[in-house]
Amino acid sequence: MEMARNRYSTKTQGSYFTGSTDERGARPGFGFNHNFPLAQTDATDEVYCETLQQVADISRQSSQIEYLIVSLGVDTYQEDPICGFLLTQRCYPRIGEIIASLGKPTLFVMEGGYHL
């Protein structure tokens, strides 16, 4: 499952899209893909964690999930110069708690994050 980060910036005339809600997988994998797009201007701590909780709730319904791989991009931090999301430092422990509540072996793959 993916909690997609979608952004459109009029300042840079650029955009990127990492998924849409109608992408559900294909053939034998149909129904195994769920996307939860978030607009950068709406991605507050509360919105992000509520969406992640939805992901966790759907994940709990599947007995086929044996482990998690988390692509941890901390460019969602509010002071990051790249992404433009609105997450505060207080949000990241909450994200960890939601992921840990699934009780599955978890691998974190570090990605973006450019605020030093």
PDB file of N, CA and C in Angstrom:
ATOM      1  N   MET A   1       0.823  -1.167   0.000  1.00  0.00           N
ATOM      2  CA  MET A   1       0.000   0.000   0.000  1.00  0.00           C
ATOM      3  C   MET A   1       0.870   1.233   0.000  1.00  0.00           C
ATOM      4  N   GLU A   2       0.376   2.260  -0.583  1.00  0.00           N
ATOM      5  CA  GLU A   2       1.174   3.475  -0.692  1.00  0.00           C
ATOM      6  C   GLU A   2       0.360   4.662  -0.240  1.00  0.00           C
ATOM      7  N   MET A   3       0.956   5.485   0.592  1.00  0.00           N
ATOM      8  CA  MET A   3       0.360   6.756   0.908  1.00  0.00           C
ATOM      9  C   MET A   3       1.091   7.762   0.021  1.00  0.00           C
ATOM     10  N   ALA A   4       0.513   8.051  -1.108  1.00  0.00           N
ATOM     11  CA  ALA A   4       1.198   8.831  -2.133  1.00  0.00           C
ATOM     12  C   ALA A   4       1.263  10.303  -1.762  1.00  0.00           C
ATOM     13  N   ARG A   5       2.379  10.911  -2.126  1.00  0.00           N
ATOM     14  CA  ARG A   5       2.556  12.337  -1.916  1.00  0.00           C
ATOM     15  C   ARG A   5       2.416  13.012  -3.271  1.00  0.00           C
ATOM     16  N   ASN A   6       1.344  13.751  -3.447  1.00  0.00           N
ATOM     17  CA  ASN A   6       1.113  14.416  -4.721  1.00  0.00           C
ATOM     18  C   ASN A   6       1.308  15.915  -4.548  1.00  0.00           C
ATOM     19  N   ARG A   7       1.940  16.518  -5.538  1.00  0.00           N
ATOM     20  CA  ARG A   7       2.219  17.943  -5.421  1.00  0.00           C
ATOM     21  C   ARG A   7       2.131  18.586  -6.793  1.00  0.00           C
ATOM     22  N   TYR A   8       1.627  19.789  -6.804  1.00  0.00           N
ATOM     23  CA  TYR A   8       1.728  20.620  -8.000  1.00  0.00           C
ATOM     24  C   TYR A   8       2.179  21.995  -7.530  1.00  0.00           C
ATOM     25  N   SER A   9       3.187  22.529  -8.148  1.00  0.00           N
ATOM     26  CA  SER A   9       3.731  23.819  -7.736  1.00  0.00           C
ATOM     27  C   SER A   9       3.656  24.804  -8.893  1.00  0.00           C
ATOM     28  N   THR A  10       2.937  25.895  -8.698  1.00  0.00           N
ATOM     29  CA  THR A  10       2.872  26.912  -9.748  1.00  0.00           C
ATOM     30  C   THR A  10       4.160  27.711  -9.807  1.00  0.00           C
ATOM     31  N   LYS A  11       4.923  27.735  -8.719  1.00  0.00           N
ATOM     32  CA  LYS A  11       6.183  28.474  -8.715  1.00  0.00           C
ATOM     33  C   LYS A  11       7.219  27.813  -9.618  1.00  0.00           C
ATOM     34  N   THR A  12       7.283  26.485  -9.571  1.00  0.00           N
ATOM     35  CA  THR A  12       8.292  25.787 -10.357  1.00  0.00           C
ATOM     36  C   THR A  12       7.735  25.247 -11.666  1.00  0.00           C
ATOM     37  N   GLN A  13       6.421  25.398 -11.872  1.00  0.00           N
ATOM     38  CA  GLN A  13       5.761  24.882 -13.063  1.00  0.00           C
ATOM     39  C   GLN A  13       5.944  23.372 -13.182  1.00  0.00           C
ATOM     40  N   GLY A  14       6.248  22.716 -12.101  1.00  0.00           N
ATOM     41  CA  GLY A  14       6.481  21.271 -12.145  1.00  0.00           C
ATOM     42  C   GLY A  14       5.480  20.530 -11.306  1.00  0.00           C
ATOM     43  N   SER A  15       5.470  19.247 -11.476  1.00  0.00           N
ATOM     44  CA  SER A  15       4.589  18.426 -10.658  1.00  0.00           C
ATOM     45  C   SER A  15       5.144  17.011 -10.586  1.00  0.00           C
ATOM     46  N   TYR A  16       4.727  16.291  -9.581  1.00  0.00           N
ATOM     47  CA  TYR A  16       4.993  14.862  -9.560  1.00  0.00           C
ATOM     48  C   TYR A  16       3.808  14.162  -8.937  1.00  0.00           C
ATOM     49  N   PHE A  17       3.539  12.978  -9.386  1.00  0.00           N
ATOM     50  CA  PHE A  17       2.417  12.204  -8.894  1.00  0.00           C
ATOM     51  C   PHE A  17       2.901  10.785  -8.666  1.00  0.00           C
ATOM     52  N   THR A  18       2.649  10.259  -7.493  1.00  0.00           N
ATOM     53  CA  THR A  18       3.139   8.918  -7.180  1.00  0.00           C
ATOM     54  C   THR A  18       2.022   7.900  -7.031  1.00  0.00           C
ATOM     55  N   GLY A  19       0.844   8.247  -7.463  1.00  0.00           N
ATOM     56  CA  GLY A  19      -0.246   7.294  -7.394  1.00  0.00           C
ATOM     57  C   GLY A  19      -1.583   7.982  -7.336  1.00  0.00           C
ATOM     58  N   SER A  20      -2.613   7.275  -7.722  1.00  0.00           N
ATOM     59  CA  SER A  20      -3.968   7.808  -7.617  1.00  0.00           C
ATOM     60  C   SER A  20      -4.867   6.733  -7.025  1.00  0.00           C
ATOM     61  N   THR A  21      -6.011   7.146  -6.553  1.00  0.00           N
ATOM     62  CA  THR A  21      -6.901   6.223  -5.843  1.00  0.00           C
ATOM     63  C   THR A  21      -7.454   5.127  -6.733  1.00  0.00           C
ATOM     64  N   ASP A  22      -7.470   5.330  -8.053  1.00  0.00           N
ATOM     65  CA  ASP A  22      -8.026   4.300  -8.929  1.00  0.00           C
ATOM     66  C   ASP A  22      -7.022   3.215  -9.305  1.00  0.00           C
ATOM     67  N   GLU A  23      -5.778   3.333  -8.867  1.00  0.00           N
ATOM     68  CA  GLU A  23      -4.783   2.287  -9.116  1.00  0.00           C
ATOM     69  C   GLU A  23      -4.918   1.223  -8.031  1.00  0.00           C
ATOM     70  N   ARG A  24      -5.435   0.059  -8.405  1.00  0.00           N
ATOM     71  CA  ARG A  24      -5.734  -0.998  -7.438  1.00  0.00           C
ATOM     72  C   ARG A  24      -4.953  -2.275  -7.668  1.00  0.00           C
ATOM     73  N   GLY A  25      -3.976  -2.247  -8.566  1.00  0.00           N
ATOM     74  CA  GLY A  25      -3.244  -3.457  -8.908  1.00  0.00           C
ATOM     75  C   GLY A  25      -3.806  -4.057 -10.183  1.00  0.00           C
ATOM     76  N   ALA A  26      -3.198  -5.141 -10.642  1.00  0.00           N
ATOM     77  CA  ALA A  26      -3.633  -5.764 -11.886  1.00  0.00           C
ATOM     78  C   ALA A  26      -3.607  -7.279 -11.764  1.00  0.00           C
ATOM     79  N   ARG A  27      -4.452  -7.904 -12.544  1.00  0.00           N
ATOM     80  CA  ARG A  27      -4.548  -9.366 -12.635  1.00  0.00           C
ATOM     81  C   ARG A  27      -4.531 -10.012 -11.242  1.00  0.00           C
ATOM     82  N   PRO A  28      -3.624 -10.955 -10.946  1.00  0.00           N
ATOM     83  CA  PRO A  28      -3.679 -11.612  -9.627  1.00  0.00           C
ATOM     84  C   PRO A  28      -3.412 -10.650  -8.467  1.00  0.00           C
ATOM     85  N   GLY A  29      -2.809  -9.512  -8.779  1.00  0.00           N
ATOM     86  CA  GLY A  29      -2.515  -8.540  -7.731  1.00  0.00           C
ATOM     87  C   GLY A  29      -3.603  -7.497  -7.525  1.00  0.00           C
ATOM     88  N   PHE A  30      -4.729  -7.638  -8.245  1.00  0.00           N
ATOM     89  CA  PHE A  30      -5.786  -6.640  -8.105  1.00  0.00           C
ATOM     90  C   PHE A  30      -6.306  -6.620  -6.670  1.00  0.00           C
ATOM     91  N   GLY A  31      -6.442  -5.435  -6.143  1.00  0.00           N
ATOM     92  CA  GLY A  31      -6.926  -5.252  -4.779  1.00  0.00           C
ATOM     93  C   GLY A  31      -5.821  -5.168  -3.744  1.00  0.00           C
ATOM     94  N   PHE A  32      -4.576  -5.444  -4.162  1.00  0.00           N
ATOM     95  CA  PHE A  32      -3.461  -5.391  -3.235  1.00  0.00           C
ATOM     96  C   PHE A  32      -2.813  -4.002  -3.192  1.00  0.00           C
ATOM     97  N   ASN A  33      -3.204  -3.136  -4.083  1.00  0.00           N
ATOM     98  CA  ASN A  33      -2.645  -1.784  -4.133  1.00  0.00           C
ATOM     99  C   ASN A  33      -3.717  -0.794  -3.710  1.00  0.00           C
ATOM    100  N   HIS A  34      -3.367   0.060  -2.768  1.00  0.00           N
ATOM    101  CA  HIS A  34      -4.251   1.136  -2.315  1.00  0.00           C
ATOM    102  C   HIS A  34      -3.411   2.401  -2.236  1.00  0.00           C
ATOM    103  N   ASN A  35      -3.858   3.440  -2.883  1.00  0.00           N
ATOM    104  CA  ASN A  35      -3.142   4.712  -2.823  1.00  0.00           C
ATOM    105  C   ASN A  35      -3.964   5.728  -2.043  1.00  0.00           C
ATOM    106  N   PHE A  36      -3.281   6.537  -1.275  1.00  0.00           N
ATOM    107  CA  PHE A  36      -3.903   7.571  -0.467  1.00  0.00           C
ATOM    108  C   PHE A  36      -3.206   8.899  -0.781  1.00  0.00           C
ATOM    109  N   PRO A  37      -3.556   9.531  -1.904  1.00  0.00           N
ATOM    110  CA  PRO A  37      -2.869  10.763  -2.293  1.00  0.00           C
ATOM    111  C   PRO A  37      -3.109  11.888  -1.284  1.00  0.00           C
ATOM    112  N   LEU A  38      -2.059  12.643  -1.031  1.00  0.00           N
ATOM    113  CA  LEU A  38      -2.140  13.798  -0.131  1.00  0.00           C
ATOM    114  C   LEU A  38      -1.615  15.035  -0.862  1.00  0.00           C
ATOM    115  N   ALA A  39      -2.388  16.087  -0.835  1.00  0.00           N
ATOM    116  CA  ALA A  39      -1.917  17.354  -1.387  1.00  0.00           C
ATOM    117  C   ALA A  39      -1.001  18.009  -0.365  1.00  0.00           C
ATOM    118  N   GLN A  40       0.089  18.603  -0.824  1.00  0.00           N
ATOM    119  CA  GLN A  40       1.057  19.161   0.111  1.00  0.00           C
ATOM    120  C   GLN A  40       0.445  20.228   1.011  1.00  0.00           C
ATOM    121  N   THR A  41      -0.460  21.024   0.506  1.00  0.00           N
ATOM    122  CA  THR A  41      -1.026  22.106   1.315  1.00  0.00           C
ATOM    123  C   THR A  41      -1.978  21.605   2.383  1.00  0.00           C
ATOM    124  N   ASP A  42      -2.383  20.350   2.296  1.00  0.00           N
ATOM    125  CA  ASP A  42      -3.297  19.761   3.280  1.00  0.00           C
ATOM    126  C   ASP A  42      -2.596  18.808   4.228  1.00  0.00           C
ATOM    127  N   ALA A  43      -1.322  18.552   4.027  1.00  0.00           N
ATOM    128  CA  ALA A  43      -0.637  17.486   4.755  1.00  0.00           C
ATOM    129  C   ALA A  43      -0.118  17.969   6.109  1.00  0.00           C
ATOM    130  N   THR A  44      -1.045  18.246   7.010  1.00  0.00           N
ATOM    131  CA  THR A  44      -0.696  18.582   8.390  1.00  0.00           C
ATOM    132  C   THR A  44      -0.452  17.294   9.168  1.00  0.00           C
ATOM    133  N   ASP A  45       0.041  17.416  10.392  1.00  0.00           N
ATOM    134  CA  ASP A  45       0.243  16.241  11.248  1.00  0.00           C
ATOM    135  C   ASP A  45      -1.041  15.413  11.346  1.00  0.00           C
ATOM    136  N   GLU A  46      -2.148  16.093  11.602  1.00  0.00           N
ATOM    137  CA  GLU A  46      -3.412  15.401  11.826  1.00  0.00           C
ATOM    138  C   GLU A  46      -3.871  14.669  10.570  1.00  0.00           C
ATOM    139  N   VAL A  47      -3.852  15.350   9.440  1.00  0.00           N
ATOM    140  CA  VAL A  47      -4.288  14.733   8.180  1.00  0.00           C
ATOM    141  C   VAL A  47      -3.395  13.550   7.826  1.00  0.00           C
ATOM    142  N   TYR A  48      -2.097  13.723   7.968  1.00  0.00           N
ATOM    143  CA  TYR A  48      -1.155  12.662   7.625  1.00  0.00           C
ATOM    144  C   TYR A  48      -1.381  11.430   8.503  1.00  0.00           C
ATOM    145  N   CYS A  49      -1.489  11.643   9.815  1.00  0.00           N
ATOM    146  CA  CYS A  49      -1.654  10.503  10.733  1.00  0.00           C
ATOM    147  C   CYS A  49      -3.024   9.845  10.587  1.00  0.00           C
ATOM    148  N   GLU A  50      -4.064  10.630  10.319  1.00  0.00           N
ATOM    149  CA  GLU A  50      -5.380  10.039  10.075  1.00  0.00           C
ATOM    150  C   GLU A  50      -5.349   9.163   8.822  1.00  0.00           C
ATOM    151  N   THR A  51      -4.655   9.619   7.794  1.00  0.00           N
ATOM    152  CA  THR A  51      -4.542   8.840   6.561  1.00  0.00           C
ATOM    153  C   THR A  51      -3.716   7.587   6.793  1.00  0.00           C
ATOM    154  N   LEU A  52      -2.615   7.724   7.516  1.00  0.00           N
ATOM    155  CA  LEU A  52      -1.792   6.558   7.824  1.00  0.00           C
ATOM    156  C   LEU A  52      -2.576   5.551   8.669  1.00  0.00           C
ATOM    157  N   GLN A  53      -3.433   6.039   9.548  1.00  0.00           N
ATOM    158  CA  GLN A  53      -4.271   5.132  10.346  1.00  0.00           C
ATOM    159  C   GLN A  53      -5.229   4.354   9.445  1.00  0.00           C
ATOM    160  N   GLN A  54      -5.742   4.991   8.398  1.00  0.00           N
ATOM    161  CA  GLN A  54      -6.588   4.288   7.423  1.00  0.00           C
ATOM    162  C   GLN A  54      -5.798   3.161   6.755  1.00  0.00           C
ATOM    163  N   VAL A  55      -4.554   3.462   6.389  1.00  0.00           N
ATOM    164  CA  VAL A  55      -3.676   2.457   5.783  1.00  0.00           C
ATOM    165  C   VAL A  55      -3.490   1.293   6.757  1.00  0.00           C
ATOM    166  N   ALA A  56      -3.228   1.610   8.017  1.00  0.00           N
ATOM    167  CA  ALA A  56      -3.030   0.562   9.031  1.00  0.00           C
ATOM    168  C   ALA A  56      -4.290  -0.270   9.213  1.00  0.00           C
ATOM    169  N   ASP A  57      -5.442   0.372   9.222  1.00  0.00           N
ATOM    170  CA  ASP A  57      -6.702  -0.352   9.405  1.00  0.00           C
ATOM    171  C   ASP A  57      -6.949  -1.323   8.251  1.00  0.00           C
ATOM    172  N   ILE A  58      -6.685  -0.901   7.026  1.00  0.00           N
ATOM    173  CA  ILE A  58      -6.833  -1.788   5.872  1.00  0.00           C
ATOM    174  C   ILE A  58      -5.823  -2.933   5.959  1.00  0.00           C
ATOM    175  N   SER A  59      -4.612  -2.616   6.373  1.00  0.00           N
ATOM    176  CA  SER A  59      -3.563  -3.637   6.488  1.00  0.00           C
ATOM    177  C   SER A  59      -3.933  -4.706   7.500  1.00  0.00           C
ATOM    178  N   ARG A  60      -4.580  -4.331   8.581  1.00  0.00           N
ATOM    179  CA  ARG A  60      -4.987  -5.298   9.614  1.00  0.00           C
ATOM    180  C   ARG A  60      -5.998  -6.312   9.084  1.00  0.00           C
ATOM    181  N   GLN A  61      -6.744  -5.942   8.055  1.00  0.00           N
ATOM    182  CA  GLN A  61      -7.765  -6.822   7.494  1.00  0.00           C
ATOM    183  C   GLN A  61      -7.171  -7.942   6.646  1.00  0.00           C
ATOM    184  N   SER A  62      -5.899  -7.837   6.300  1.00  0.00           N
ATOM    185  CA  SER A  62      -5.269  -8.835   5.451  1.00  0.00           C
ATOM    186  C   SER A  62      -4.374  -9.754   6.271  1.00  0.00           C
ATOM    187  N   SER A  63      -4.632 -11.041   6.153  1.00  0.00           N
ATOM    188  CA  SER A  63      -3.776 -12.004   6.838  1.00  0.00           C
ATOM    189  C   SER A  63      -2.552 -12.346   5.992  1.00  0.00           C
ATOM    190  N   GLN A  64      -2.490 -11.817   4.775  1.00  0.00           N
ATOM    191  CA  GLN A  64      -1.388 -12.137   3.867  1.00  0.00           C
ATOM    192  C   GLN A  64      -0.166 -11.235   4.065  1.00  0.00           C
ATOM    193  N   ILE A  65      -0.282 -10.205   4.869  1.00  0.00           N
ATOM    194  CA  ILE A  65       0.853  -9.309   5.096  1.00  0.00           C
ATOM    195  C   ILE A  65       1.772  -9.931   6.135  1.00  0.00           C
ATOM    196  N   GLU A  66       2.991 -10.259   5.713  1.00  0.00           N
ATOM    197  CA  GLU A  66       3.951 -10.889   6.611  1.00  0.00           C
ATOM    198  C   GLU A  66       4.954  -9.895   7.173  1.00  0.00           C
ATOM    199  N   TYR A  67       5.250  -8.850   6.430  1.00  0.00           N
ATOM    200  CA  TYR A  67       6.230  -7.853   6.853  1.00  0.00           C
ATOM    201  C   TYR A  67       5.933  -6.533   6.152  1.00  0.00           C
ATOM    202  N   LEU A  68       6.564  -5.475   6.633  1.00  0.00           N
ATOM    203  CA  LEU A  68       6.383  -4.144   6.057  1.00  0.00           C
ATOM    204  C   LEU A  68       7.717  -3.615   5.561  1.00  0.00           C
ATOM    205  N   ILE A  69       7.676  -2.910   4.468  1.00  0.00           N
ATOM    206  CA  ILE A  69       8.830  -2.146   3.994  1.00  0.00           C
ATOM    207  C   ILE A  69       8.367  -0.708   3.908  1.00  0.00           C
ATOM    208  N   VAL A  70       8.996   0.152   4.685  1.00  0.00           N
ATOM    209  CA  VAL A  70       8.604   1.556   4.755  1.00  0.00           C
ATOM    210  C   VAL A  70       9.655   2.406   4.068  1.00  0.00           C
ATOM    211  N   SER A  71       9.234   3.116   3.047  1.00  0.00           N
ATOM    212  CA  SER A  71      10.085   4.083   2.375  1.00  0.00           C
ATOM    213  C   SER A  71       9.984   5.377   3.174  1.00  0.00           C
ATOM    214  N   LEU A  72      10.989   5.629   4.000  1.00  0.00           N
ATOM    215  CA  LEU A  72      10.931   6.736   4.950  1.00  0.00           C
ATOM    216  C   LEU A  72      11.576   7.980   4.355  1.00  0.00           C
ATOM    217  N   GLY A  73      10.738   8.807   3.733  1.00  0.00           N
ATOM    218  CA  GLY A  73      11.203  10.084   3.210  1.00  0.00           C
ATOM    219  C   GLY A  73      10.799  11.188   4.161  1.00  0.00           C
ATOM    220  N   VAL A  74      11.744  11.758   4.847  1.00  0.00           N
ATOM    221  CA  VAL A  74      11.420  12.814   5.803  1.00  0.00           C
ATOM    222  C   VAL A  74      11.442  14.194   5.152  1.00  0.00           C
ATOM    223  N   ASP A  75      11.332  14.207   3.830  1.00  0.00           N
ATOM    224  CA  ASP A  75      11.143  15.487   3.156  1.00  0.00           C
ATOM    225  C   ASP A  75       9.723  16.015   3.363  1.00  0.00           C
ATOM    226  N   THR A  76       8.928  15.282   4.125  1.00  0.00           N
ATOM    227  CA  THR A  76       7.593  15.741   4.513  1.00  0.00           C
ATOM    228  C   THR A  76       7.654  16.754   5.659  1.00  0.00           C
ATOM    229  N   TYR A  77       8.822  16.934   6.253  1.00  0.00           N
ATOM    230  CA  TYR A  77       8.998  17.893   7.355  1.00  0.00           C
ATOM    231  C   TYR A  77       8.706  19.309   6.864  1.00  0.00           C
ATOM    232  N   GLN A  78       8.026  20.092   7.687  1.00  0.00           N
ATOM    233  CA  GLN A  78       7.556  21.417   7.286  1.00  0.00           C
ATOM    234  C   GLN A  78       8.662  22.379   6.860  1.00  0.00           C
ATOM    235  N   GLU A  79       9.873  22.194   7.331  1.00  0.00           N
ATOM    236  CA  GLU A  79      10.958  23.108   6.964  1.00  0.00           C
ATOM    237  C   GLU A  79      11.845  22.559   5.844  1.00  0.00           C
ATOM    238  N   ASP A  80      11.457  21.427   5.285  1.00  0.00           N
ATOM    239  CA  ASP A  80      12.232  20.855   4.190  1.00  0.00           C
ATOM    240  C   ASP A  80      12.056  21.724   2.940  1.00  0.00           C
ATOM    241  N   PRO A  81      13.140  22.052   2.244  1.00  0.00           N
ATOM    242  CA  PRO A  81      13.037  22.958   1.103  1.00  0.00           C
ATOM    243  C   PRO A  81      12.474  22.317  -0.168  1.00  0.00           C
ATOM    244  N   ILE A  82      12.326  21.013  -0.208  1.00  0.00           N
ATOM    245  CA  ILE A  82      11.931  20.335  -1.435  1.00  0.00           C
ATOM    246  C   ILE A  82      10.425  20.086  -1.530  1.00  0.00           C
ATOM    247  N   CYS A  83       9.851  19.489  -0.528  1.00  0.00           N
ATOM    248  CA  CYS A  83       8.513  18.905  -0.663  1.00  0.00           C
ATOM    249  C   CYS A  83       7.360  19.867  -0.383  1.00  0.00           C
ATOM    250  N   GLY A  84       7.439  20.648   0.654  1.00  0.00           N
ATOM    251  CA  GLY A  84       6.362  21.581   0.961  1.00  0.00           C
ATOM    252  C   GLY A  84       5.247  21.020   1.819  1.00  0.00           C
ATOM    253  N   PHE A  85       5.443  19.862   2.448  1.00  0.00           N
ATOM    254  CA  PHE A  85       4.439  19.342   3.373  1.00  0.00           C
ATOM    255  C   PHE A  85       4.519  20.117   4.686  1.00  0.00           C
ATOM    256  N   LEU A  86       3.619  19.817   5.603  1.00  0.00           N
ATOM    257  CA  LEU A  86       3.484  20.624   6.816  1.00  0.00           C
ATOM    258  C   LEU A  86       3.709  19.844   8.105  1.00  0.00           C
ATOM    259  N   LEU A  87       4.415  18.712   8.045  1.00  0.00           N
ATOM    260  CA  LEU A  87       4.584  17.899   9.251  1.00  0.00           C
ATOM    261  C   LEU A  87       5.589  18.527  10.211  1.00  0.00           C
ATOM    262  N   THR A  88       5.257  18.453  11.501  1.00  0.00           N
ATOM    263  CA  THR A  88       6.152  18.945  12.543  1.00  0.00           C
ATOM    264  C   THR A  88       6.959  17.782  13.109  1.00  0.00           C
ATOM    265  N   GLN A  89       7.936  18.095  13.938  1.00  0.00           N
ATOM    266  CA  GLN A  89       8.748  17.044  14.561  1.00  0.00           C
ATOM    267  C   GLN A  89       7.900  16.113  15.419  1.00  0.00           C
ATOM    268  N   ARG A  90       6.835  16.638  16.000  1.00  0.00           N
ATOM    269  CA  ARG A  90       5.966  15.807  16.853  1.00  0.00           C
ATOM    270  C   ARG A  90       5.251  14.711  16.074  1.00  0.00           C
ATOM    271  N   CYS A  91       5.144  14.857  14.768  1.00  0.00           N
ATOM    272  CA  CYS A  91       4.394  13.894  13.962  1.00  0.00           C
ATOM    273  C   CYS A  91       5.141  12.575  13.771  1.00  0.00           C
ATOM    274  N   TYR A  92       6.454  12.615  13.673  1.00  0.00           N
ATOM    275  CA  TYR A  92       7.214  11.413  13.322  1.00  0.00           C
ATOM    276  C   TYR A  92       7.124  10.300  14.369  1.00  0.00           C
ATOM    277  N   PRO A  93       7.160  10.596  15.664  1.00  0.00           N
ATOM    278  CA  PRO A  93       6.923   9.520  16.640  1.00  0.00           C
ATOM    279  C   PRO A  93       5.511   8.919  16.506  1.00  0.00           C
ATOM    280  N   ARG A  94       4.525   9.754  16.191  1.00  0.00           N
ATOM    281  CA  ARG A  94       3.160   9.247  15.982  1.00  0.00           C
ATOM    282  C   ARG A  94       3.118   8.299  14.790  1.00  0.00           C
ATOM    283  N   ILE A  95       3.830   8.660  13.720  1.00  0.00           N
ATOM    284  CA  ILE A  95       3.904   7.791  12.546  1.00  0.00           C
ATOM    285  C   ILE A  95       4.494   6.438  12.955  1.00  0.00           C
ATOM    286  N   GLY A  96       5.570   6.475  13.735  1.00  0.00           N
ATOM    287  CA  GLY A  96       6.197   5.243  14.214  1.00  0.00           C
ATOM    288  C   GLY A  96       5.256   4.402  15.050  1.00  0.00           C
ATOM    289  N   GLU A  97       4.461   5.040  15.893  1.00  0.00           N
ATOM    290  CA  GLU A  97       3.507   4.306  16.736  1.00  0.00           C
ATOM    291  C   GLU A  97       2.439   3.614  15.900  1.00  0.00           C
ATOM    292  N   ILE A  98       1.961   4.291  14.867  1.00  0.00           N
ATOM    293  CA  ILE A  98       0.940   3.695  14.004  1.00  0.00           C
ATOM    294  C   ILE A  98       1.520   2.489  13.268  1.00  0.00           C
ATOM    295  N   ILE A  99       2.718   2.635  12.748  1.00  0.00           N
ATOM    296  CA  ILE A  99       3.360   1.514  12.040  1.00  0.00           C
ATOM    297  C   ILE A  99       3.632   0.369  13.011  1.00  0.00           C
ATOM    298  N   ALA A 100       4.141   0.681  14.193  1.00  0.00           N
ATOM    299  CA  ALA A 100       4.445  -0.358  15.189  1.00  0.00           C
ATOM    300  C   ALA A 100       3.178  -1.085  15.644  1.00  0.00           C
ATOM    301  N   SER A 101       2.039  -0.402  15.632  1.00  0.00           N
ATOM    302  CA  SER A 101       0.795  -1.027  16.084  1.00  0.00           C
ATOM    303  C   SER A 101       0.380  -2.211  15.214  1.00  0.00           C
ATOM    304  N   LEU A 102       0.958  -2.320  14.020  1.00  0.00           N
ATOM    305  CA  LEU A 102       0.641  -3.452  13.141  1.00  0.00           C
ATOM    306  C   LEU A 102       1.332  -4.732  13.586  1.00  0.00           C
ATOM    307  N   GLY A 103       2.387  -4.598  14.388  1.00  0.00           N
ATOM    308  CA  GLY A 103       3.057  -5.771  14.946  1.00  0.00           C
ATOM    309  C   GLY A 103       3.722  -6.675  13.917  1.00  0.00           C
ATOM    310  N   LYS A 104       4.192  -6.092  12.846  1.00  0.00           N
ATOM    311  CA  LYS A 104       4.849  -6.873  11.785  1.00  0.00           C
ATOM    312  C   LYS A 104       6.335  -6.523  11.732  1.00  0.00           C
ATOM    313  N   PRO A 105       7.185  -7.479  11.341  1.00  0.00           N
ATOM    314  CA  PRO A 105       8.591  -7.135  11.103  1.00  0.00           C
ATOM    315  C   PRO A 105       8.644  -6.012  10.065  1.00  0.00           C
ATOM    316  N   THR A 106       9.491  -5.016  10.315  1.00  0.00           N
ATOM    317  CA  THR A 106       9.492  -3.815   9.479  1.00  0.00           C
ATOM    318  C   THR A 106      10.904  -3.423   9.087  1.00  0.00           C
ATOM    319  N   LEU A 107      11.077  -3.129   7.812  1.00  0.00           N
ATOM    320  CA  LEU A 107      12.328  -2.596   7.278  1.00  0.00           C
ATOM    321  C   LEU A 107      12.078  -1.151   6.861  1.00  0.00           C
ATOM    322  N   PHE A 108      12.908  -0.240   7.359  1.00  0.00           N
ATOM    323  CA  PHE A 108      12.822   1.163   6.962  1.00  0.00           C
ATOM    324  C   PHE A 108      13.930   1.460   5.961  1.00  0.00           C
ATOM    325  N   VAL A 109      13.557   1.996   4.817  1.00  0.00           N
ATOM    326  CA  VAL A 109      14.507   2.405   3.789  1.00  0.00           C
ATOM    327  C   VAL A 109      14.522   3.931   3.801  1.00  0.00           C
ATOM    328  N   MET A 110      15.660   4.480   4.174  1.00  0.00           N
ATOM    329  CA  MET A 110      15.772   5.940   4.272  1.00  0.00           C
ATOM    330  C   MET A 110      15.809   6.569   2.881  1.00  0.00           C
ATOM    331  N   GLU A 111      15.047   7.650   2.735  1.00  0.00           N
ATOM    332  CA  GLU A 111      15.035   8.397   1.480  1.00  0.00           C
ATOM    333  C   GLU A 111      15.249   9.868   1.787  1.00  0.00           C
ATOM    334  N   GLY A 112      14.494  10.732   1.107  1.00  0.00           N
ATOM    335  CA  GLY A 112      14.688  12.177   1.165  1.00  0.00           C
ATOM    336  C   GLY A 112      14.578  12.785   2.539  1.00  0.00           C
ATOM    337  N   GLY A 113      15.005  14.005   2.604  1.00  0.00           N
ATOM    338  CA  GLY A 113      15.005  14.826   3.801  1.00  0.00           C
ATOM    339  C   GLY A 113      16.190  15.761   3.686  1.00  0.00           C
ATOM    340  N   TYR A 114      15.920  17.034   3.446  1.00  0.00           N
ATOM    341  CA  TYR A 114      16.988  17.937   3.055  1.00  0.00           C
ATOM    342  C   TYR A 114      17.129  19.156   3.958  1.00  0.00           C
ATOM    343  N   HIS A 115      16.436  19.146   5.093  1.00  0.00           N
ATOM    344  CA  HIS A 115      16.556  20.238   6.057  1.00  0.00           C
ATOM    345  C   HIS A 115      17.590  19.825   7.099  1.00  0.00           C
ATOM    346  N   LEU A 116      18.678  20.558   7.191  1.00  0.00           N
ATOM    347  CA  LEU A 116      19.726  20.208   8.153  1.00  0.00           C
ATOM    348  C   LEU A 116      19.695  21.126   9.346  1.00  0.00           C
TER     349      LEU A 116
END
